[in-house]
Amino acid sequence: MKQVMDFIVKANDKHGANFSLLKLAPAKGNMPTVQPGQFVQVEVPNSKSTYLRRPISINYADQHELWLLVRRAGKGTNSLCDTAEGTILNLVLPLGNGFTTDVKGTALLVGGGVGTAPLLMLGSKLAAHGVDVQFLLGARSMSDLLQLDLFRQTAEVHVATEDGSLGHHGLVTTHPVLQQDNITHIACCGPMPMMKAVAAIARERGINCEVSLENMMACGLGACLCCVEDTNDAGNVCVCTEGPVFNIDRLKW
């Protein structure tokens, strides 16, 4: 059930110049139940020029805390990245439909850039249920890889960097792990060209695959129609309510 709640910023951990990990706790009441792949709409405090809430993927959540990994991309996200500890943030949550967690076999979770954010919680939940989890994380350079230590604490991690500074030299989609015979499920989030390329590999190999779309969202509730995606089974649907996670069989890619 969607709720509008105030959260206290318990910590703002900087990750390089462009990312902040906001660790939030409910100002009062209990933490709502959230699923990996869902997102929140955050009101930007004390900003006269920012009228719309910002959609942010849930990076991690338990009974006490909720984490948001925020990338600087404009006035709204810049303001959120500069939020001081003790600040109250108002969130609408949980929004959207998350990743499938009833998975068997070996799950490969593929992320690029800040698209790795929702995969941390997904990997933690799958591993806790006995699924063989592997991460494939990509970035331009080693310095752009986010939360690498936390991913390594969760499951086996494969890395691809475009400059070859760590792991496989090249794009995520050229990493040999994608050709492993034991992969039964792929979950993917990141730049659209990367997700389409991973989806093509999954189709070719007959592997079940889900992707988390990052279409432009304004309301997060299916009212503004900014985030519409054309699907095979239902025509145009709102990513914020039907997704953001879709099985690739539904998408006209």
Foldseek 3Di string as FASTA:
>chain_A
DKDKFKWFFQDWDDQPDWKTKTKTFTPDDWDDDDDQAWWKFKDQPPDPVDDFTDIFGFQADDGGITITIATDDDDRSVSVNPDDGGDMIIIIDGWFDHDDLPDAWEEEEEEEQCQCRSVLHSLQSNVVVPHQYEYEYEYQEPSRDPPVVSNVVRHHYAYEHCCPNDHHHHGSLPDCVLVDPGHAEYEYEYDPVVVVSSLVSCVVNVHWYKYQDDFDDGHLPQDPLRQWAQWDPPGTDHCSYHHSIDTCNGHPD
